[in-house]
PDB file of N, CA and C in Angstrom:
ATOM      1  N   UNK A   1    -103.008 171.504 -18.234  1.00  0.00           N
ATOM      2  CA  UNK A   1    -104.311 171.867 -17.721  1.00  0.00           C
ATOM      3  C   UNK A   1    -104.112 172.570 -16.376  1.00  0.00           C
ATOM      4  N   UNK A   2    -104.845 173.640 -16.160  1.00  0.00           N
ATOM      5  CA  UNK A   2    -104.695 174.386 -14.909  1.00  0.00           C
ATOM      6  C   UNK A   2    -105.284 173.603 -13.736  1.00  0.00           C
ATOM      7  N   UNK A   3    -104.859 173.974 -12.557  1.00  0.00           N
ATOM      8  CA  UNK A   3    -105.387 173.333 -11.347  1.00  0.00           C
ATOM      9  C   UNK A   3    -106.892 173.562 -11.224  1.00  0.00           C
ATOM     10  N   UNK A   4    -107.340 174.751 -11.610  1.00  0.00           N
ATOM     11  CA  UNK A   4    -108.769 175.054 -11.533  1.00  0.00           C
ATOM     12  C   UNK A   4    -109.563 174.099 -12.420  1.00  0.00           C
ATOM     13  N   UNK A   5    -109.090 173.879 -13.637  1.00  0.00           N
ATOM     14  CA  UNK A   5    -109.775 172.964 -14.552  1.00  0.00           C
ATOM     15  C   UNK A   5    -109.746 171.545 -14.005  1.00  0.00           C
ATOM     16  N   UNK A   6    -108.613 171.145 -13.435  1.00  0.00           N
ATOM     17  CA  UNK A   6    -108.515 169.805 -12.844  1.00  0.00           C
ATOM     18  C   UNK A   6    -109.531 169.637 -11.710  1.00  0.00           C
ATOM     19  N   UNK A   7    -109.699 170.695 -10.900  1.00  0.00           N
ATOM     20  CA  UNK A   7    -110.674 170.627  -9.793  1.00  0.00           C
ATOM     21  C   UNK A   7    -112.097 170.526 -10.329  1.00  0.00           C
ATOM     22  N   UNK A   8    -112.393 171.283 -11.374  1.00  0.00           N
ATOM     23  CA  UNK A   8    -113.732 171.236 -11.969  1.00  0.00           C
ATOM     24  C   UNK A   8    -114.022 169.835 -12.485  1.00  0.00           C
ATOM     25  N   UNK A   9    -113.066 169.267 -13.204  1.00  0.00           N
ATOM     26  CA  UNK A   9    -113.245 167.919 -13.756  1.00  0.00           C
ATOM     27  C   UNK A   9    -113.372 166.898 -12.627  1.00  0.00           C
ATOM     28  N   UNK A  10    -112.574 167.038 -11.580  1.00  0.00           N
ATOM     29  CA  UNK A  10    -112.652 166.121 -10.437  1.00  0.00           C
ATOM     30  C   UNK A  10    -114.017 166.215  -9.754  1.00  0.00           C
ATOM     31  N   UNK A  11    -114.553 167.422  -9.652  1.00  0.00           N
ATOM     32  CA  UNK A  11    -115.876 167.609  -9.042  1.00  0.00           C
ATOM     33  C   UNK A  11    -116.947 166.925  -9.873  1.00  0.00           C
ATOM     34  N   UNK A  12    -116.888 167.125 -11.189  1.00  0.00           N
ATOM     35  CA  UNK A  12    -117.856 166.474 -12.077  1.00  0.00           C
ATOM     36  C   UNK A  12    -117.733 164.958 -11.951  1.00  0.00           C
ATOM     37  N   UNK A  13    -116.500 164.465 -11.944  1.00  0.00           N
ATOM     38  CA  UNK A  13    -116.271 163.020 -11.826  1.00  0.00           C
ATOM     39  C   UNK A  13    -116.878 162.471 -10.545  1.00  0.00           C
ATOM     40  N   UNK A  14    -116.651 163.170  -9.427  1.00  0.00           N
ATOM     41  CA  UNK A  14    -117.192 162.713  -8.144  1.00  0.00           C
ATOM     42  C   UNK A  14    -118.713 162.710  -8.158  1.00  0.00           C
ATOM     43  N   UNK A  15    -119.302 163.756  -8.741  1.00  0.00           N
ATOM     44  CA  UNK A  15    -120.764 163.831  -8.811  1.00  0.00           C
ATOM     45  C   UNK A  15    -121.354 162.722  -9.679  1.00  0.00           C
ATOM     46  N   UNK A  16    -120.623 162.336 -10.717  1.00  0.00           N
ATOM     47  CA  UNK A  16    -121.118 161.324 -11.650  1.00  0.00           C
ATOM     48  C   UNK A  16    -120.684 159.901 -11.294  1.00  0.00           C
ATOM     49  N   UNK A  17    -119.804 159.798 -10.309  1.00  0.00           N
ATOM     50  CA  UNK A  17    -119.324 158.476  -9.893  1.00  0.00           C
ATOM     51  C   UNK A  17    -118.410 157.824 -10.923  1.00  0.00           C
ATOM     52  N   UNK A  18    -117.643 158.642 -11.644  1.00  0.00           N
ATOM     53  CA  UNK A  18    -116.696 158.136 -12.635  1.00  0.00           C
ATOM     54  C   UNK A  18    -115.340 158.794 -12.400  1.00  0.00           C
ATOM     55  N   UNK A  19    -114.339 158.371 -13.145  1.00  0.00           N
ATOM     56  CA  UNK A  19    -113.006 158.941 -12.966  1.00  0.00           C
ATOM     57  C   UNK A  19    -112.871 160.261 -13.730  1.00  0.00           C
ATOM     58  N   UNK A  20    -111.869 161.026 -13.340  1.00  0.00           N
ATOM     59  CA  UNK A  20    -111.568 162.271 -14.050  1.00  0.00           C
ATOM     60  C   UNK A  20    -111.218 161.986 -15.505  1.00  0.00           C
ATOM     61  N   UNK A  21    -110.522 160.882 -15.726  1.00  0.00           N
ATOM     62  CA  UNK A  21    -110.151 160.512 -17.097  1.00  0.00           C
ATOM     63  C   UNK A  21    -111.393 160.249 -17.944  1.00  0.00           C
ATOM     64  N   UNK A  22    -112.402 159.616 -17.343  1.00  0.00           N
ATOM     65  CA  UNK A  22    -113.648 159.357 -18.075  1.00  0.00           C
ATOM     66  C   UNK A  22    -114.364 160.669 -18.394  1.00  0.00           C
ATOM     67  N   UNK A  23    -114.354 161.609 -17.458  1.00  0.00           N
ATOM     68  CA  UNK A  23    -114.960 162.920 -17.702  1.00  0.00           C
ATOM     69  C   UNK A  23    -114.254 163.599 -18.864  1.00  0.00           C
ATOM     70  N   UNK A  24    -112.928 163.609 -18.826  1.00  0.00           N
ATOM     71  CA  UNK A  24    -112.161 164.232 -19.906  1.00  0.00           C
ATOM     72  C   UNK A  24    -112.471 163.570 -21.243  1.00  0.00           C
ATOM     73  N   UNK A  25    -112.522 162.248 -21.249  1.00  0.00           N
ATOM     74  CA  UNK A  25    -112.822 161.504 -22.478  1.00  0.00           C
ATOM     75  C   UNK A  25    -114.202 161.874 -23.015  1.00  0.00           C
ATOM     76  N   UNK A  26    -115.192 161.895 -22.135  1.00  0.00           N
ATOM     77  CA  UNK A  26    -116.556 162.224 -22.556  1.00  0.00           C
ATOM     78  C   UNK A  26    -116.653 163.658 -23.063  1.00  0.00           C
ATOM     79  N   UNK A  27    -115.939 164.573 -22.414  1.00  0.00           N
ATOM     80  CA  UNK A  27    -115.945 165.967 -22.866  1.00  0.00           C
ATOM     81  C   UNK A  27    -115.321 166.084 -24.259  1.00  0.00           C
ATOM     82  N   UNK A  28    -114.215 165.384 -24.465  1.00  0.00           N
ATOM     83  CA  UNK A  28    -113.562 165.440 -25.777  1.00  0.00           C
ATOM     84  C   UNK A  28    -114.441 164.799 -26.848  1.00  0.00           C
ATOM     85  N   UNK A  29    -115.152 163.747 -26.509  1.00  0.00           N
ATOM     86  CA  UNK A  29    -116.087 163.133 -27.471  1.00  0.00           C
ATOM     87  C   UNK A  29    -117.200 164.115 -27.822  1.00  0.00           C
ATOM     88  N   UNK A  30    -117.690 164.850 -26.821  1.00  0.00           N
ATOM     89  CA  UNK A  30    -118.735 165.852 -27.070  1.00  0.00           C
ATOM     90  C   UNK A  30    -118.202 166.983 -27.952  1.00  0.00           C
ATOM     91  N   UNK A  31    -116.965 167.389 -27.714  1.00  0.00           N
ATOM     92  CA  UNK A  31    -116.345 168.427 -28.550  1.00  0.00           C
ATOM     93  C   UNK A  31    -116.262 167.938 -29.992  1.00  0.00           C
ATOM     94  N   UNK A  32    -115.798 166.712 -30.182  1.00  0.00           N
ATOM     95  CA  UNK A  32    -115.680 166.152 -31.541  1.00  0.00           C
ATOM     96  C   UNK A  32    -117.044 166.067 -32.217  1.00  0.00           C
ATOM     97  N   UNK A  33    -118.058 165.658 -31.465  1.00  0.00           N
ATOM     98  CA  UNK A  33    -119.407 165.574 -32.037  1.00  0.00           C
ATOM     99  C   UNK A  33    -119.910 166.956 -32.423  1.00  0.00           C
ATOM    100  N   UNK A  34    -119.666 167.921 -31.565  1.00  0.00           N
ATOM    101  CA  UNK A  34    -120.087 169.288 -31.865  1.00  0.00           C
ATOM    102  C   UNK A  34    -119.380 169.854 -33.074  1.00  0.00           C
ATOM    103  N   UNK A  35    -118.093 169.589 -33.181  1.00  0.00           N
ATOM    104  CA  UNK A  35    -117.327 170.106 -34.312  1.00  0.00           C
ATOM    105  C   UNK A  35    -117.765 169.496 -35.636  1.00  0.00           C
ATOM    106  N   UNK A  36    -118.304 168.278 -35.591  1.00  0.00           N
ATOM    107  CA  UNK A  36    -118.716 167.617 -36.825  1.00  0.00           C
ATOM    108  C   UNK A  36    -120.166 167.927 -37.204  1.00  0.00           C
ATOM    109  N   UNK A  37    -120.838 168.733 -36.386  1.00  0.00           N
ATOM    110  CA  UNK A  37    -122.225 169.108 -36.680  1.00  0.00           C
ATOM    111  C   UNK A  37    -122.302 169.885 -37.991  1.00  0.00           C
ATOM    112  N   UNK A  38    -123.358 169.635 -38.740  1.00  0.00           N
ATOM    113  CA  UNK A  38    -123.564 170.374 -39.993  1.00  0.00           C
ATOM    114  C   UNK A  38    -124.426 171.620 -39.774  1.00  0.00           C
ATOM    115  N   UNK A  39    -124.900 171.814 -38.559  1.00  0.00           N
ATOM    116  CA  UNK A  39    -125.731 172.985 -38.244  1.00  0.00           C
ATOM    117  C   UNK A  39    -124.902 174.254 -38.423  1.00  0.00           C
ATOM    118  N   UNK A  40    -125.361 175.192 -39.266  1.00  0.00           N
ATOM    119  CA  UNK A  40    -124.601 176.425 -39.500  1.00  0.00           C
ATOM    120  C   UNK A  40    -124.328 177.232 -38.228  1.00  0.00           C
ATOM    121  N   UNK A  41    -125.278 177.227 -37.274  1.00  0.00           N
ATOM    122  CA  UNK A  41    -125.061 177.957 -36.022  1.00  0.00           C
ATOM    123  C   UNK A  41    -123.947 177.316 -35.211  1.00  0.00           C
ATOM    124  N   UNK A  42    -123.924 175.979 -35.196  1.00  0.00           N
ATOM    125  CA  UNK A  42    -122.862 175.271 -34.481  1.00  0.00           C
ATOM    126  C   UNK A  42    -121.518 175.546 -35.142  1.00  0.00           C
ATOM    127  N   UNK A  43    -121.483 175.510 -36.450  1.00  0.00           N
ATOM    128  CA  UNK A  43    -120.231 175.769 -37.163  1.00  0.00           C
ATOM    129  C   UNK A  43    -119.724 177.191 -36.911  1.00  0.00           C
ATOM    130  N   UNK A  44    -120.638 178.157 -36.839  1.00  0.00           N
ATOM    131  CA  UNK A  44    -120.248 179.541 -36.546  1.00  0.00           C
ATOM    132  C   UNK A  44    -119.635 179.637 -35.148  1.00  0.00           C
ATOM    133  N   UNK A  45    -120.214 178.928 -34.203  1.00  0.00           N
ATOM    134  CA  UNK A  45    -119.680 178.921 -32.843  1.00  0.00           C
ATOM    135  C   UNK A  45    -118.294 178.285 -32.805  1.00  0.00           C
ATOM    136  N   UNK A  46    -118.124 177.165 -33.499  1.00  0.00           N
ATOM    137  CA  UNK A  46    -116.821 176.498 -33.515  1.00  0.00           C
ATOM    138  C   UNK A  46    -115.754 177.366 -34.163  1.00  0.00           C
ATOM    139  N   UNK A  47    -116.138 178.182 -35.146  1.00  0.00           N
ATOM    140  CA  UNK A  47    -115.166 179.088 -35.759  1.00  0.00           C
ATOM    141  C   UNK A  47    -114.692 180.134 -34.752  1.00  0.00           C
ATOM    142  N   UNK A  48    -115.550 180.473 -33.793  1.00  0.00           N
ATOM    143  CA  UNK A  48    -115.139 181.398 -32.736  1.00  0.00           C
ATOM    144  C   UNK A  48    -114.214 180.698 -31.741  1.00  0.00           C
ATOM    145  N   UNK A  49    -114.529 179.452 -31.427  1.00  0.00           N
ATOM    146  CA  UNK A  49    -113.745 178.706 -30.434  1.00  0.00           C
ATOM    147  C   UNK A  49    -112.365 178.366 -30.990  1.00  0.00           C
ATOM    148  N   UNK A  50    -112.335 177.866 -32.205  1.00  0.00           N
ATOM    149  CA  UNK A  50    -111.061 177.445 -32.810  1.00  0.00           C
ATOM    150  C   UNK A  50    -111.029 177.890 -34.274  1.00  0.00           C
ATOM    151  N   UNK A  51    -110.648 179.151 -34.498  1.00  0.00           N
ATOM    152  CA  UNK A  51    -110.638 179.700 -35.851  1.00  0.00           C
ATOM    153  C   UNK A  51    -109.773 178.914 -36.837  1.00  0.00           C
ATOM    154  N   UNK A  52    -108.768 178.208 -36.318  1.00  0.00           N
ATOM    155  CA  UNK A  52    -107.890 177.441 -37.204  1.00  0.00           C
ATOM    156  C   UNK A  52    -108.508 176.106 -37.610  1.00  0.00           C
ATOM    157  N   UNK A  53    -109.674 175.772 -37.040  1.00  0.00           N
ATOM    158  CA  UNK A  53    -110.361 174.532 -37.383  1.00  0.00           C
ATOM    159  C   UNK A  53    -109.825 173.304 -36.679  1.00  0.00           C
ATOM    160  N   UNK A  54    -108.780 173.476 -35.863  1.00  0.00           N
ATOM    161  CA  UNK A  54    -108.215 172.345 -35.127  1.00  0.00           C
ATOM    162  C   UNK A  54    -109.003 172.112 -33.849  1.00  0.00           C
ATOM    163  N   UNK A  55    -109.056 170.875 -33.453  1.00  0.00           N
ATOM    164  CA  UNK A  55    -109.766 170.507 -32.222  1.00  0.00           C
ATOM    165  C   UNK A  55    -109.144 171.225 -31.029  1.00  0.00           C
ATOM    166  N   UNK A  56    -109.963 171.948 -30.241  1.00  0.00           N
ATOM    167  CA  UNK A  56    -109.410 172.631 -29.071  1.00  0.00           C
ATOM    168  C   UNK A  56    -109.159 171.653 -27.934  1.00  0.00           C
ATOM    169  N   UNK A  57    -108.224 171.996 -27.064  1.00  0.00           N
ATOM    170  CA  UNK A  57    -108.060 171.185 -25.863  1.00  0.00           C
ATOM    171  C   UNK A  57    -109.157 171.591 -24.878  1.00  0.00           C
ATOM    172  N   UNK A  58    -109.304 170.808 -23.825  1.00  0.00           N
ATOM    173  CA  UNK A  58    -110.369 171.087 -22.846  1.00  0.00           C
ATOM    174  C   UNK A  58    -110.241 172.474 -22.242  1.00  0.00           C
ATOM    175  N   UNK A  59    -109.020 172.880 -21.938  1.00  0.00           N
ATOM    176  CA  UNK A  59    -108.795 174.182 -21.313  1.00  0.00           C
ATOM    177  C   UNK A  59    -109.323 175.309 -22.208  1.00  0.00           C
ATOM    178  N   UNK A  60    -108.993 175.246 -23.490  1.00  0.00           N
ATOM    179  CA  UNK A  60    -109.448 176.262 -24.440  1.00  0.00           C
ATOM    180  C   UNK A  60    -110.965 176.271 -24.530  1.00  0.00           C
ATOM    181  N   UNK A  61    -111.557 175.092 -24.656  1.00  0.00           N
ATOM    182  CA  UNK A  61    -113.009 174.989 -24.776  1.00  0.00           C
ATOM    183  C   UNK A  61    -113.709 175.501 -23.520  1.00  0.00           C
ATOM    184  N   UNK A  62    -113.261 175.043 -22.358  1.00  0.00           N
ATOM    185  CA  UNK A  62    -113.915 175.440 -21.112  1.00  0.00           C
ATOM    186  C   UNK A  62    -113.747 176.931 -20.835  1.00  0.00           C
ATOM    187  N   UNK A  63    -112.593 177.481 -21.156  1.00  0.00           N
ATOM    188  CA  UNK A  63    -112.372 178.915 -20.979  1.00  0.00           C
ATOM    189  C   UNK A  63    -113.304 179.706 -21.883  1.00  0.00           C
ATOM    190  N   UNK A  64    -113.416 179.293 -23.139  1.00  0.00           N
ATOM    191  CA  UNK A  64    -114.315 179.978 -24.074  1.00  0.00           C
ATOM    192  C   UNK A  64    -115.748 179.942 -23.552  1.00  0.00           C
ATOM    193  N   UNK A  65    -116.198 178.762 -23.134  1.00  0.00           N
ATOM    194  CA  UNK A  65    -117.582 178.628 -22.687  1.00  0.00           C
ATOM    195  C   UNK A  65    -117.835 179.403 -21.397  1.00  0.00           C
ATOM    196  N   UNK A  66    -116.890 179.404 -20.478  1.00  0.00           N
ATOM    197  CA  UNK A  66    -117.051 180.173 -19.232  1.00  0.00           C
ATOM    198  C   UNK A  66    -117.147 181.662 -19.541  1.00  0.00           C
ATOM    199  N   UNK A  67    -116.311 182.140 -20.452  1.00  0.00           N
ATOM    200  CA  UNK A  67    -116.370 183.548 -20.844  1.00  0.00           C
ATOM    201  C   UNK A  67    -117.687 183.880 -21.519  1.00  0.00           C
ATOM    202  N   UNK A  68    -118.180 182.964 -22.318  1.00  0.00           N
ATOM    203  CA  UNK A  68    -119.467 183.174 -23.004  1.00  0.00           C
ATOM    204  C   UNK A  68    -120.615 183.255 -21.993  1.00  0.00           C
ATOM    205  N   UNK A  69    -120.599 182.375 -21.006  1.00  0.00           N
ATOM    206  CA  UNK A  69    -121.627 182.405 -19.960  1.00  0.00           C
ATOM    207  C   UNK A  69    -121.543 183.714 -19.183  1.00  0.00           C
ATOM    208  N   UNK A  70    -120.332 184.133 -18.830  1.00  0.00           N
ATOM    209  CA  UNK A  70    -120.156 185.410 -18.126  1.00  0.00           C
ATOM    210  C   UNK A  70    -120.738 186.559 -18.934  1.00  0.00           C
ATOM    211  N   UNK A  71    -120.455 186.568 -20.233  1.00  0.00           N
ATOM    212  CA  UNK A  71    -120.947 187.632 -21.104  1.00  0.00           C
ATOM    213  C   UNK A  71    -122.481 187.619 -21.167  1.00  0.00           C
ATOM    214  N   UNK A  72    -123.045 186.437 -21.273  1.00  0.00           N
ATOM    215  CA  UNK A  72    -124.511 186.327 -21.328  1.00  0.00           C
ATOM    216  C   UNK A  72    -125.146 186.768 -20.018  1.00  0.00           C
ATOM    217  N   UNK A  73    -124.514 186.417 -18.899  1.00  0.00           N
ATOM    218  CA  UNK A  73    -125.033 186.828 -17.593  1.00  0.00           C
ATOM    219  C   UNK A  73    -124.963 188.341 -17.444  1.00  0.00           C
ATOM    220  N   UNK A  74    -123.851 188.936 -17.904  1.00  0.00           N
ATOM    221  CA  UNK A  74    -123.713 190.389 -17.838  1.00  0.00           C
ATOM    222  C   UNK A  74    -124.778 191.084 -18.659  1.00  0.00           C
ATOM    223  N   UNK A  75    -125.119 190.499 -19.813  1.00  0.00           N
ATOM    224  CA  UNK A  75    -126.160 191.081 -20.665  1.00  0.00           C
ATOM    225  C   UNK A  75    -127.533 190.949 -20.023  1.00  0.00           C
ATOM    226  N   UNK A  76    -127.792 189.803 -19.419  1.00  0.00           N
ATOM    227  CA  UNK A  76    -129.097 189.552 -18.827  1.00  0.00           C
ATOM    228  C   UNK A  76    -129.272 190.270 -17.491  1.00  0.00           C
ATOM    229  N   UNK A  77    -128.194 190.335 -16.716  1.00  0.00           N
ATOM    230  CA  UNK A  77    -128.252 190.944 -15.395  1.00  0.00           C
ATOM    231  C   UNK A  77    -127.155 192.000 -15.285  1.00  0.00           C
ATOM    232  N   UNK A  78    -127.392 193.189 -15.818  1.00  0.00           N
ATOM    233  CA  UNK A  78    -126.351 194.227 -15.794  1.00  0.00           C
ATOM    234  C   UNK A  78    -125.881 194.524 -14.373  1.00  0.00           C
ATOM    235  N   UNK A  79    -124.600 194.810 -14.274  1.00  0.00           N
ATOM    236  CA  UNK A  79    -124.011 195.121 -12.963  1.00  0.00           C
ATOM    237  C   UNK A  79    -124.287 196.569 -12.616  1.00  0.00           C
ATOM    238  N   UNK A  80    -124.418 196.808 -11.339  1.00  0.00           N
ATOM    239  CA  UNK A  80    -124.677 198.148 -10.849  1.00  0.00           C
ATOM    240  C   UNK A  80    -123.637 198.466  -9.794  1.00  0.00           C
ATOM    241  N   UNK A  81    -122.816 199.468 -10.060  1.00  0.00           N
ATOM    242  CA  UNK A  81    -121.761 199.875  -9.130  1.00  0.00           C
ATOM    243  C   UNK A  81    -120.877 198.695  -8.735  1.00  0.00           C
ATOM    244  N   UNK A  82    -120.504 197.863  -9.747  1.00  0.00           N
ATOM    245  CA  UNK A  82    -119.598 196.762  -9.505  1.00  0.00           C
ATOM    246  C   UNK A  82    -120.230 195.533  -8.884  1.00  0.00           C
ATOM    247  N   UNK A  83    -121.545 195.575  -8.658  1.00  0.00           N
ATOM    248  CA  UNK A  83    -122.219 194.425  -8.074  1.00  0.00           C
ATOM    249  C   UNK A  83    -123.322 193.965  -9.020  1.00  0.00           C
ATOM    250  N   UNK A  84    -123.535 192.672  -9.073  1.00  0.00           N
ATOM    251  CA  UNK A  84    -124.617 192.136  -9.859  1.00  0.00           C
ATOM    252  C   UNK A  84    -125.928 192.545  -9.194  1.00  0.00           C
ATOM    253  N   UNK A  85    -126.868 193.051  -9.993  1.00  0.00           N
ATOM    254  CA  UNK A  85    -128.112 193.559  -9.417  1.00  0.00           C
ATOM    255  C   UNK A  85    -128.937 192.476  -8.725  1.00  0.00           C
ATOM    256  N   UNK A  86    -128.723 191.220  -9.093  1.00  0.00           N
ATOM    257  CA  UNK A  86    -129.456 190.138  -8.435  1.00  0.00           C
ATOM    258  C   UNK A  86    -129.018 190.004  -6.983  1.00  0.00           C
ATOM    259  N   UNK A  87    -127.738 190.212  -6.759  1.00  0.00           N
ATOM    260  CA  UNK A  87    -127.175 189.983  -5.425  1.00  0.00           C
ATOM    261  C   UNK A  87    -127.191 191.226  -4.541  1.00  0.00           C
ATOM    262  N   UNK A  88    -127.514 192.381  -5.100  1.00  0.00           N
ATOM    263  CA  UNK A  88    -127.423 193.584  -4.285  1.00  0.00           C
ATOM    264  C   UNK A  88    -128.756 193.944  -3.650  1.00  0.00           C
TER     265      UNK A  88
END
């Protein structure tokens, strides 16, 4: 796991008053629950995250979701001359 991911998990743990290990455990439980969903939209998303059908590690999952959020933000708030239009 990268240092950045460890810091993110540590921050969440501190905010929630639990250990980093508990955060990791809860995240993995959420991943397992999501992967077992019968919702076709959820299954389509999981095929993008882990095309081989194997459970992703936290790093893979968090990287995918961060990239997805970035993409959605870019679509909603197009950049202008290298700057986000909200901030310029």
